[in-house]
Amino acid sequence: AYGTLATISESPFKFGLIYTGSDDGLVQVTQNGGNSWELLNPTGNSKPDELWVSRVVASQHKKERVYVALNGYRWDNFTPFIYMSNDYGKTWKNIANSIPASPVNVIIEDPSNENILFVGTDNGVYASFDQGTSWEVFSEGLPKVAVHDLKIQSKAKHLLVGTHGRSIYKAD
């Protein structure tokens, strides 16, 4: 039932720097295109199978930076789990402190400003303008709905919000 890769992200800075996350809570990194892998532990949790990795994102701004969002929905754990590392996953910082209880499904960086982050939860979208130190509800015209994907169109500067059964929303 577990061990399925749920998310994968390759660094735009270094060929072969790849992060993966699986439905058993494991996060792994390779810096040599998959010849060897290192197990990372963002939560410090001794039972990572209680969570699954909903998204892992290699930074567009800093080669050493990576973000991980984990989800505990299947165990009725609605704590938001979002972590950031600036050293290829050796140490982690919890950046979900001010997000209300809701499973986190996705995290992305703004392509032009490394301080701006967006997360999609089961209750909508949150934005941070200080690399996750604080979060604000991003709700103008958006219902409280599960958000499963976020994408920023780099040329148009639109945030696209993919929801569970309520359509796709676009914001400037």
N, C-alpha and C. Protein backbone atom coordinates (compact mmCIF):
# COMPACT_ATOMS: atom_id res chain seq x y z
N ALA A 1 0.81 -1.19 0.00
CA ALA A 1 0.00 0.00 0.00
C ALA A 1 0.86 1.26 0.00
N TYR A 2 2.11 1.15 0.45
CA TYR A 2 2.97 2.33 0.53
C TYR A 2 4.21 2.14 -0.34
N GLY A 3 4.93 3.22 -0.54
CA GLY A 3 6.16 3.17 -1.32
C GLY A 3 6.00 3.70 -2.72
N THR A 4 4.89 4.37 -3.00
CA THR A 4 4.64 4.94 -4.32
C THR A 4 5.15 6.38 -4.36
N LEU A 5 5.95 6.71 -5.37
CA LEU A 5 6.40 8.09 -5.51
C LEU A 5 5.20 8.98 -5.82
N ALA A 6 5.04 10.03 -5.03
CA ALA A 6 3.91 10.94 -5.20
C ALA A 6 4.34 12.25 -5.84
N THR A 7 5.63 12.59 -5.73
CA THR A 7 6.11 13.86 -6.23
C THR A 7 7.61 13.77 -6.53
N ILE A 8 8.03 14.50 -7.55
CA ILE A 8 9.43 14.52 -7.95
C ILE A 8 9.76 15.91 -8.45
N SER A 9 10.97 16.40 -8.14
CA SER A 9 11.37 17.74 -8.58
C SER A 9 12.87 17.77 -8.84
N GLU A 10 13.23 18.24 -10.04
CA GLU A 10 14.65 18.38 -10.37
C GLU A 10 15.04 19.84 -10.27
N SER A 11 16.21 20.08 -9.73
CA SER A 11 16.72 21.45 -9.61
C SER A 11 16.98 22.05 -10.98
N PRO A 12 16.58 23.31 -11.19
CA PRO A 12 16.90 23.97 -12.45
C PRO A 12 18.37 24.40 -12.51
N PHE A 13 19.09 24.30 -11.39
CA PHE A 13 20.47 24.76 -11.32
C PHE A 13 21.50 23.66 -11.59
N LYS A 14 21.15 22.43 -11.26
CA LYS A 14 22.15 21.37 -11.33
C LYS A 14 21.52 20.12 -11.93
N PHE A 15 22.02 19.69 -13.06
CA PHE A 15 21.55 18.46 -13.68
C PHE A 15 21.78 17.30 -12.72
N GLY A 16 20.76 16.47 -12.52
CA GLY A 16 20.89 15.30 -11.68
C GLY A 16 20.61 15.53 -10.21
N LEU A 17 20.32 16.78 -9.81
CA LEU A 17 19.90 17.06 -8.43
C LEU A 17 18.38 16.90 -8.40
N ILE A 18 17.93 15.76 -7.86
CA ILE A 18 16.52 15.38 -7.92
C ILE A 18 16.03 15.02 -6.52
N TYR A 19 14.86 15.51 -6.18
CA TYR A 19 14.19 15.18 -4.92
C TYR A 19 12.94 14.37 -5.22
N THR A 20 12.64 13.40 -4.37
CA THR A 20 11.41 12.64 -4.50
C THR A 20 10.70 12.57 -3.16
N GLY A 21 9.39 12.39 -3.21
CA GLY A 21 8.59 12.18 -2.02
C GLY A 21 7.59 11.08 -2.30
N SER A 22 7.32 10.27 -1.28
CA SER A 22 6.44 9.12 -1.49
C SER A 22 5.29 9.10 -0.49
N ASP A 23 4.35 8.19 -0.75
CA ASP A 23 3.14 8.12 0.08
C ASP A 23 3.40 7.47 1.44
N ASP A 24 4.63 7.06 1.70
CA ASP A 24 4.97 6.54 3.03
C ASP A 24 5.79 7.55 3.83
N GLY A 25 5.77 8.82 3.39
CA GLY A 25 6.40 9.90 4.14
C GLY A 25 7.88 10.08 3.90
N LEU A 26 8.45 9.34 2.97
CA LEU A 26 9.89 9.43 2.75
C LEU A 26 10.25 10.49 1.71
N VAL A 27 11.29 11.25 2.03
CA VAL A 27 11.84 12.24 1.11
C VAL A 27 13.27 11.81 0.84
N GLN A 28 13.63 11.79 -0.45
CA GLN A 28 14.98 11.37 -0.81
C GLN A 28 15.57 12.34 -1.82
N VAL A 29 16.90 12.39 -1.87
CA VAL A 29 17.61 13.26 -2.80
C VAL A 29 18.75 12.49 -3.45
N THR A 30 18.97 12.80 -4.72
CA THR A 30 20.16 12.34 -5.42
C THR A 30 20.82 13.57 -6.02
N GLN A 31 22.14 13.60 -5.97
CA GLN A 31 22.87 14.70 -6.60
C GLN A 31 23.66 14.21 -7.81
N ASN A 32 23.46 12.93 -8.15
CA ASN A 32 24.20 12.36 -9.27
C ASN A 32 23.28 11.61 -10.25
N GLY A 33 22.10 12.15 -10.45
CA GLY A 33 21.19 11.59 -11.45
C GLY A 33 20.61 10.24 -11.10
N GLY A 34 20.61 9.87 -9.83
CA GLY A 34 20.00 8.61 -9.41
C GLY A 34 20.98 7.48 -9.15
N ASN A 35 22.28 7.73 -9.30
CA ASN A 35 23.26 6.68 -9.01
C ASN A 35 23.27 6.31 -7.53
N SER A 36 23.03 7.30 -6.67
CA SER A 36 22.90 7.04 -5.23
C SER A 36 21.87 8.01 -4.66
N TRP A 37 21.19 7.55 -3.62
CA TRP A 37 20.12 8.33 -3.00
C TRP A 37 20.39 8.49 -1.52
N GLU A 38 19.97 9.64 -0.97
CA GLU A 38 20.09 9.90 0.46
C GLU A 38 18.68 10.13 1.02
N LEU A 39 18.38 9.45 2.12
CA LEU A 39 17.09 9.62 2.78
C LEU A 39 17.13 10.87 3.64
N LEU A 40 16.14 11.74 3.47
CA LEU A 40 16.04 12.98 4.25
C LEU A 40 14.91 12.83 5.25
N ASN A 41 14.94 13.60 6.32
CA ASN A 41 13.91 13.49 7.35
C ASN A 41 13.46 14.88 7.78
N PRO A 42 12.56 15.52 7.03
CA PRO A 42 12.16 16.88 7.36
C PRO A 42 11.44 17.02 8.70
N THR A 43 10.67 16.04 9.10
CA THR A 43 9.86 16.18 10.31
C THR A 43 10.58 15.71 11.57
N GLY A 44 11.60 14.88 11.43
CA GLY A 44 12.21 14.27 12.60
C GLY A 44 11.31 13.19 13.19
N ASN A 45 10.20 12.91 12.52
CA ASN A 45 9.21 11.93 12.98
C ASN A 45 9.77 10.52 12.83
N SER A 46 9.67 9.74 13.89
CA SER A 46 10.17 8.37 13.81
C SER A 46 9.21 7.45 13.05
N LYS A 47 7.98 7.91 12.79
CA LYS A 47 7.01 7.13 12.03
C LYS A 47 6.52 7.94 10.83
N PRO A 48 7.37 8.10 9.81
CA PRO A 48 6.96 8.93 8.68
C PRO A 48 5.80 8.35 7.90
N ASP A 49 5.46 7.07 8.08
CA ASP A 49 4.36 6.49 7.31
C ASP A 49 2.99 7.02 7.75
N GLU A 50 2.97 7.83 8.80
CA GLU A 50 1.72 8.47 9.19
C GLU A 50 1.41 9.68 8.32
N LEU A 51 2.37 10.10 7.51
CA LEU A 51 2.20 11.22 6.60
C LEU A 51 2.55 10.75 5.20
N TRP A 52 2.10 11.49 4.20
CA TRP A 52 2.63 11.25 2.87
C TRP A 52 3.12 12.58 2.31
N VAL A 53 4.07 12.49 1.43
CA VAL A 53 4.66 13.69 0.84
C VAL A 53 3.77 14.13 -0.30
N SER A 54 3.09 15.25 -0.09
CA SER A 54 2.19 15.75 -1.12
C SER A 54 2.94 16.55 -2.18
N ARG A 55 4.06 17.19 -1.81
CA ARG A 55 4.83 17.93 -2.80
C ARG A 55 6.26 18.15 -2.30
N VAL A 56 7.19 18.00 -3.19
CA VAL A 56 8.59 18.38 -2.96
C VAL A 56 8.96 19.31 -4.11
N VAL A 57 9.61 20.44 -3.79
CA VAL A 57 9.91 21.44 -4.80
C VAL A 57 11.35 21.93 -4.64
N ALA A 58 12.17 21.69 -5.65
CA ALA A 58 13.50 22.27 -5.71
C ALA A 58 13.36 23.75 -6.04
N SER A 59 14.05 24.58 -5.31
CA SER A 59 13.93 26.03 -5.49
C SER A 59 14.38 26.50 -6.87
N GLN A 60 13.70 27.53 -7.35
CA GLN A 60 14.07 28.20 -8.59
C GLN A 60 15.08 29.32 -8.34
N HIS A 61 15.35 29.60 -7.04
CA HIS A 61 16.17 30.75 -6.70
C HIS A 61 17.51 30.40 -6.06
N LYS A 62 17.59 29.26 -5.41
CA LYS A 62 18.81 28.88 -4.70
C LYS A 62 19.03 27.38 -4.86
N LYS A 63 20.19 27.01 -5.34
CA LYS A 63 20.48 25.61 -5.65
C LYS A 63 20.30 24.69 -4.44
N GLU A 64 20.65 25.16 -3.27
CA GLU A 64 20.61 24.32 -2.06
C GLU A 64 19.22 24.24 -1.42
N ARG A 65 18.28 25.04 -1.87
CA ARG A 65 16.97 25.15 -1.21
C ARG A 65 15.97 24.15 -1.77
N VAL A 66 15.17 23.58 -0.85
CA VAL A 66 14.10 22.66 -1.23
C VAL A 66 12.95 22.84 -0.23
N TYR A 67 11.73 22.65 -0.73
CA TYR A 67 10.52 22.72 0.09
C TYR A 67 9.84 21.37 0.08
N VAL A 68 9.23 21.02 1.21
CA VAL A 68 8.47 19.77 1.31
C VAL A 68 7.15 20.06 2.01
N ALA A 69 6.07 19.56 1.42
CA ALA A 69 4.75 19.60 2.05
C ALA A 69 4.33 18.15 2.30
N LEU A 70 3.88 17.88 3.51
CA LEU A 70 3.41 16.55 3.87
C LEU A 70 1.96 16.64 4.31
N ASN A 71 1.26 15.53 4.18
CA ASN A 71 -0.17 15.50 4.43
C ASN A 71 -0.50 14.31 5.33
N GLY A 72 -1.23 14.57 6.42
CA GLY A 72 -1.61 13.51 7.35
C GLY A 72 -3.09 13.19 7.31
N TYR A 73 -3.74 13.51 6.21
CA TYR A 73 -5.19 13.38 6.06
C TYR A 73 -5.69 11.97 6.36
N ARG A 74 -4.98 10.95 5.87
CA ARG A 74 -5.49 9.59 6.03
C ARG A 74 -5.52 9.12 7.48
N TRP A 75 -4.82 9.83 8.37
CA TRP A 75 -4.85 9.50 9.80
C TRP A 75 -5.61 10.57 10.59
N ASP A 76 -6.44 11.36 9.90
CA ASP A 76 -7.20 12.45 10.51
C ASP A 76 -6.29 13.44 11.22
N ASN A 77 -5.10 13.66 10.67
CA ASN A 77 -4.16 14.65 11.19
C ASN A 77 -4.21 15.84 10.25
N PHE A 78 -4.82 16.91 10.69
CA PHE A 78 -5.02 18.08 9.84
C PHE A 78 -3.98 19.17 10.08
N THR A 79 -2.91 18.83 10.77
CA THR A 79 -1.82 19.77 10.98
C THR A 79 -1.16 20.09 9.64
N PRO A 80 -0.93 21.37 9.36
CA PRO A 80 -0.18 21.69 8.13
C PRO A 80 1.30 21.40 8.34
N PHE A 81 1.88 20.64 7.42
CA PHE A 81 3.30 20.29 7.49
C PHE A 81 4.00 20.87 6.26
N ILE A 82 4.80 21.92 6.47
CA ILE A 82 5.57 22.52 5.39
C ILE A 82 6.97 22.81 5.93
N TYR A 83 7.97 22.35 5.20
CA TYR A 83 9.34 22.51 5.64
C TYR A 83 10.19 23.09 4.52
N MET A 84 11.24 23.84 4.92
CA MET A 84 12.19 24.42 3.98
C MET A 84 13.59 24.07 4.45
N SER A 85 14.44 23.73 3.49
CA SER A 85 15.84 23.47 3.78
C SER A 85 16.69 24.33 2.85
N ASN A 86 17.78 24.86 3.39
CA ASN A 86 18.72 25.63 2.58
C ASN A 86 20.05 24.92 2.42
N ASP A 87 20.07 23.62 2.74
CA ASP A 87 21.32 22.86 2.64
C ASP A 87 21.08 21.45 2.09
N TYR A 88 20.30 21.37 1.01
CA TYR A 88 20.00 20.10 0.33
C TYR A 88 19.26 19.11 1.22
N GLY A 89 18.56 19.59 2.24
CA GLY A 89 17.76 18.70 3.08
C GLY A 89 18.47 18.14 4.29
N LYS A 90 19.64 18.66 4.61
CA LYS A 90 20.35 18.18 5.80
C LYS A 90 19.68 18.71 7.07
N THR A 91 19.26 19.99 7.06
CA THR A 91 18.52 20.57 8.17
C THR A 91 17.24 21.20 7.61
N TRP A 92 16.21 21.26 8.45
CA TRP A 92 14.89 21.72 8.00
C TRP A 92 14.32 22.75 8.96
N LYS A 93 13.53 23.65 8.41
CA LYS A 93 12.80 24.64 9.19
C LYS A 93 11.32 24.47 8.91
N ASN A 94 10.51 24.38 9.96
CA ASN A 94 9.06 24.32 9.82
C ASN A 94 8.57 25.72 9.46
N ILE A 95 7.89 25.86 8.33
CA ILE A 95 7.40 27.17 7.91
C ILE A 95 5.87 27.21 7.83
N ALA A 96 5.20 26.31 8.54
CA ALA A 96 3.73 26.25 8.49
C ALA A 96 3.08 26.78 9.75
N ASN A 97 3.83 27.48 10.58
CA ASN A 97 3.34 27.83 11.91
C ASN A 97 2.05 28.64 11.95
N SER A 98 1.83 29.53 11.02
CA SER A 98 0.64 30.39 11.12
C SER A 98 -0.49 30.00 10.16
N ILE A 99 -0.43 28.79 9.61
CA ILE A 99 -1.51 28.31 8.74
C ILE A 99 -2.51 27.53 9.60
N PRO A 100 -3.80 27.82 9.50
CA PRO A 100 -4.79 27.07 10.28
C PRO A 100 -4.79 25.59 9.92
N ALA A 101 -5.29 24.77 10.82
CA ALA A 101 -5.31 23.32 10.62
C ALA A 101 -6.01 22.95 9.33
N SER A 102 -5.24 22.36 8.42
CA SER A 102 -5.76 21.90 7.13
C SER A 102 -4.64 21.16 6.41
N PRO A 103 -4.93 20.01 5.83
CA PRO A 103 -3.90 19.30 5.08
C PRO A 103 -3.34 20.15 3.94
N VAL A 104 -2.03 20.07 3.75
CA VAL A 104 -1.36 20.82 2.70
C VAL A 104 -1.15 19.91 1.50
N ASN A 105 -1.57 20.37 0.33
CA ASN A 105 -1.49 19.58 -0.89
C ASN A 105 -0.39 20.02 -1.84
N VAL A 106 -0.02 21.30 -1.80
CA VAL A 106 0.94 21.82 -2.78
C VAL A 106 1.61 23.08 -2.24
N ILE A 107 2.86 23.28 -2.63
CA ILE A 107 3.58 24.52 -2.34
C ILE A 107 4.35 24.92 -3.59
N ILE A 108 4.40 26.23 -3.88
CA ILE A 108 5.21 26.73 -4.99
C ILE A 108 5.87 28.05 -4.58
N GLU A 109 6.95 28.36 -5.28
CA GLU A 109 7.63 29.65 -5.15
C GLU A 109 7.17 30.56 -6.28
N ASP A 110 7.20 31.85 -6.01
CA ASP A 110 7.03 32.82 -7.08
C ASP A 110 8.29 32.78 -7.93
N PRO A 111 8.19 32.74 -9.25
CA PRO A 111 9.38 32.63 -10.08
C PRO A 111 10.28 33.86 -10.08
N SER A 112 9.75 35.03 -9.72
CA SER A 112 10.57 36.24 -9.76
C SER A 112 10.96 36.77 -8.39
N ASN A 113 10.34 36.28 -7.32
CA ASN A 113 10.64 36.78 -5.97
C ASN A 113 10.74 35.60 -5.01
N GLU A 114 11.94 35.31 -4.53
CA GLU A 114 12.15 34.13 -3.70
C GLU A 114 11.45 34.21 -2.35
N ASN A 115 11.00 35.37 -1.94
CA ASN A 115 10.32 35.52 -0.65
C ASN A 115 8.84 35.16 -0.70
N ILE A 116 8.27 35.08 -1.90
CA ILE A 116 6.84 34.83 -2.04
C ILE A 116 6.60 33.34 -2.28
N LEU A 117 5.76 32.76 -1.42
CA LEU A 117 5.36 31.36 -1.52
C LEU A 117 3.85 31.27 -1.50
N PHE A 118 3.33 30.23 -2.15
CA PHE A 118 1.91 29.94 -2.11
C PHE A 118 1.73 28.48 -1.72
N VAL A 119 0.72 28.21 -0.89
CA VAL A 119 0.38 26.82 -0.58
C VAL A 119 -1.10 26.61 -0.83
N GLY A 120 -1.42 25.41 -1.30
CA GLY A 120 -2.80 24.99 -1.48
C GLY A 120 -3.13 23.96 -0.41
N THR A 121 -4.22 24.20 0.32
CA THR A 121 -4.65 23.31 1.38
C THR A 121 -6.05 22.79 1.06
N ASP A 122 -6.59 21.99 1.95
CA ASP A 122 -7.96 21.53 1.77
C ASP A 122 -8.97 22.64 2.03
N ASN A 123 -8.51 23.81 2.50
CA ASN A 123 -9.40 24.94 2.75
C ASN A 123 -9.02 26.19 1.98
N GLY A 124 -8.30 26.05 0.89
CA GLY A 124 -7.96 27.20 0.07
C GLY A 124 -6.48 27.45 -0.07
N VAL A 125 -6.13 28.69 -0.44
CA VAL A 125 -4.76 29.08 -0.74
C VAL A 125 -4.28 30.07 0.31
N TYR A 126 -3.00 29.94 0.67
CA TYR A 126 -2.34 30.88 1.58
C TYR A 126 -1.09 31.40 0.88
N ALA A 127 -0.75 32.66 1.17
CA ALA A 127 0.42 33.29 0.57
C ALA A 127 1.33 33.79 1.68
N SER A 128 2.63 33.68 1.42
CA SER A 128 3.63 34.22 2.33
C SER A 128 4.51 35.17 1.53
N PHE A 129 4.84 36.30 2.14
CA PHE A 129 5.70 37.28 1.49
C PHE A 129 7.06 37.37 2.17
N ASP A 130 7.31 36.41 3.11
CA ASP A 130 8.56 36.42 3.86
C ASP A 130 9.13 35.00 4.02
N GLN A 131 9.09 34.21 2.98
CA GLN A 131 9.60 32.84 2.92
C GLN A 131 8.99 31.93 3.99
N GLY A 132 7.73 32.14 4.29
CA GLY A 132 7.03 31.22 5.18
C GLY A 132 7.05 31.59 6.65
N THR A 133 7.60 32.74 6.99
CA THR A 133 7.57 33.17 8.39
C THR A 133 6.14 33.46 8.81
N SER A 134 5.36 34.08 7.93
CA SER A 134 3.95 34.34 8.20
C SER A 134 3.16 34.06 6.92
N TRP A 135 1.88 33.75 7.09
CA TRP A 135 1.00 33.40 5.96
C TRP A 135 -0.29 34.21 6.05
N GLU A 136 -0.84 34.53 4.88
CA GLU A 136 -2.11 35.23 4.78
C GLU A 136 -3.06 34.43 3.89
N VAL A 137 -4.34 34.51 4.20
CA VAL A 137 -5.34 33.85 3.36
C VAL A 137 -5.37 34.54 2.01
N PHE A 138 -5.36 33.75 0.96
CA PHE A 138 -5.44 34.26 -0.41
C PHE A 138 -6.81 33.86 -0.92
N SER A 139 -7.81 34.74 -0.71
CA SER A 139 -9.18 34.28 -0.91
C SER A 139 -10.04 35.15 -1.82
N GLU A 140 -9.52 36.21 -2.38
CA GLU A 140 -10.33 37.08 -3.22
C GLU A 140 -10.95 36.29 -4.37
N GLY A 141 -12.25 36.05 -4.31
CA GLY A 141 -12.96 35.33 -5.37
C GLY A 141 -12.78 33.83 -5.36
N LEU A 142 -12.15 33.30 -4.33
CA LEU A 142 -11.88 31.87 -4.26
C LEU A 142 -12.66 31.24 -3.11
N PRO A 143 -13.48 30.23 -3.37
CA PRO A 143 -14.22 29.60 -2.27
C PRO A 143 -13.28 28.75 -1.40
N LYS A 144 -13.75 28.41 -0.21
CA LYS A 144 -12.98 27.50 0.65
C LYS A 144 -13.14 26.11 0.08
N VAL A 145 -12.14 25.69 -0.68
CA VAL A 145 -12.20 24.45 -1.42
C VAL A 145 -10.82 23.82 -1.39
N ALA A 146 -10.76 22.51 -1.54
CA ALA A 146 -9.48 21.81 -1.59
C ALA A 146 -8.72 22.23 -2.85
N VAL A 147 -7.49 22.66 -2.65
CA VAL A 147 -6.62 23.08 -3.75
C VAL A 147 -5.54 22.02 -3.91
N HIS A 148 -5.48 21.43 -5.10
CA HIS A 148 -4.55 20.34 -5.35
C HIS A 148 -3.38 20.72 -6.23
N ASP A 149 -3.46 21.86 -6.92
CA ASP A 149 -2.33 22.26 -7.74
C ASP A 149 -2.29 23.77 -7.88
N LEU A 150 -1.08 24.30 -7.97
CA LEU A 150 -0.83 25.71 -8.19
C LEU A 150 0.23 25.84 -9.25
N LYS A 151 0.08 26.84 -10.10
CA LYS A 151 1.08 27.09 -11.15
C LYS A 151 1.10 28.58 -11.41
N ILE A 152 2.29 29.13 -11.61
CA ILE A 152 2.42 30.54 -11.97
C ILE A 152 2.88 30.61 -13.42
N GLN A 153 2.08 31.31 -14.24
CA GLN A 153 2.47 31.54 -15.63
C GLN A 153 3.51 32.67 -15.61
N SER A 154 4.74 32.35 -15.97
CA SER A 154 5.82 33.31 -15.79
C SER A 154 5.66 34.57 -16.64
N LYS A 155 5.19 34.47 -17.88
CA LYS A 155 5.05 35.66 -18.71
C LYS A 155 3.87 36.52 -18.28
N ALA A 156 2.72 35.90 -18.08
CA ALA A 156 1.51 36.66 -17.74
C ALA A 156 1.44 37.01 -16.26
N LYS A 157 2.26 36.36 -15.42
CA LYS A 157 2.26 36.58 -13.97
C LYS A 157 0.91 36.22 -13.34
N HIS A 158 0.26 35.18 -13.87
CA HIS A 158 -1.00 34.72 -13.30
C HIS A 158 -0.75 33.52 -12.41
N LEU A 159 -1.44 33.48 -11.28
CA LEU A 159 -1.44 32.30 -10.42
C LEU A 159 -2.66 31.48 -10.81
N LEU A 160 -2.44 30.24 -11.22
CA LEU A 160 -3.53 29.33 -11.55
C LEU A 160 -3.74 28.38 -10.38
N VAL A 161 -4.99 28.24 -9.97
CA VAL A 161 -5.35 27.44 -8.80
C VAL A 161 -6.25 26.30 -9.26
N GLY A 162 -5.75 25.08 -9.14
CA GLY A 162 -6.51 23.89 -9.51
C GLY A 162 -7.19 23.32 -8.28
N THR A 163 -8.51 23.24 -8.32
CA THR A 163 -9.26 22.80 -7.14
C THR A 163 -9.85 21.40 -7.35
N HIS A 164 -10.39 20.87 -6.28
CA HIS A 164 -11.05 19.57 -6.31
C HIS A 164 -12.53 19.78 -6.62
N GLY A 165 -12.89 19.69 -7.88
CA GLY A 165 -14.28 19.74 -8.27
C GLY A 165 -14.91 21.11 -8.37
N ARG A 166 -14.14 22.19 -8.21
CA ARG A 166 -14.71 23.53 -8.26
C ARG A 166 -14.08 24.39 -9.34
N SER A 167 -13.38 23.79 -10.29
CA SER A 167 -12.83 24.48 -11.43
C SER A 167 -11.39 24.93 -11.19
N ILE A 168 -10.93 25.78 -12.11
CA ILE A 168 -9.60 26.40 -12.05
C ILE A 168 -9.81 27.89 -11.92
N TYR A 169 -9.04 28.51 -11.05
CA TYR A 169 -9.14 29.94 -10.83
C TYR A 169 -7.84 30.59 -11.26
N LYS A 170 -7.95 31.86 -11.68
CA LYS A 170 -6.78 32.62 -12.12
C LYS A 170 -6.74 33.93 -11.37
N ALA A 171 -5.54 34.28 -10.88
CA ALA A 171 -5.36 35.55 -10.17
C ALA A 171 -4.13 36.25 -10.72
N ASP A 172 -4.19 37.58 -10.76
CA ASP A 172 -3.01 38.35 -11.16
C ASP A 172 -2.04 38.42 -10.02
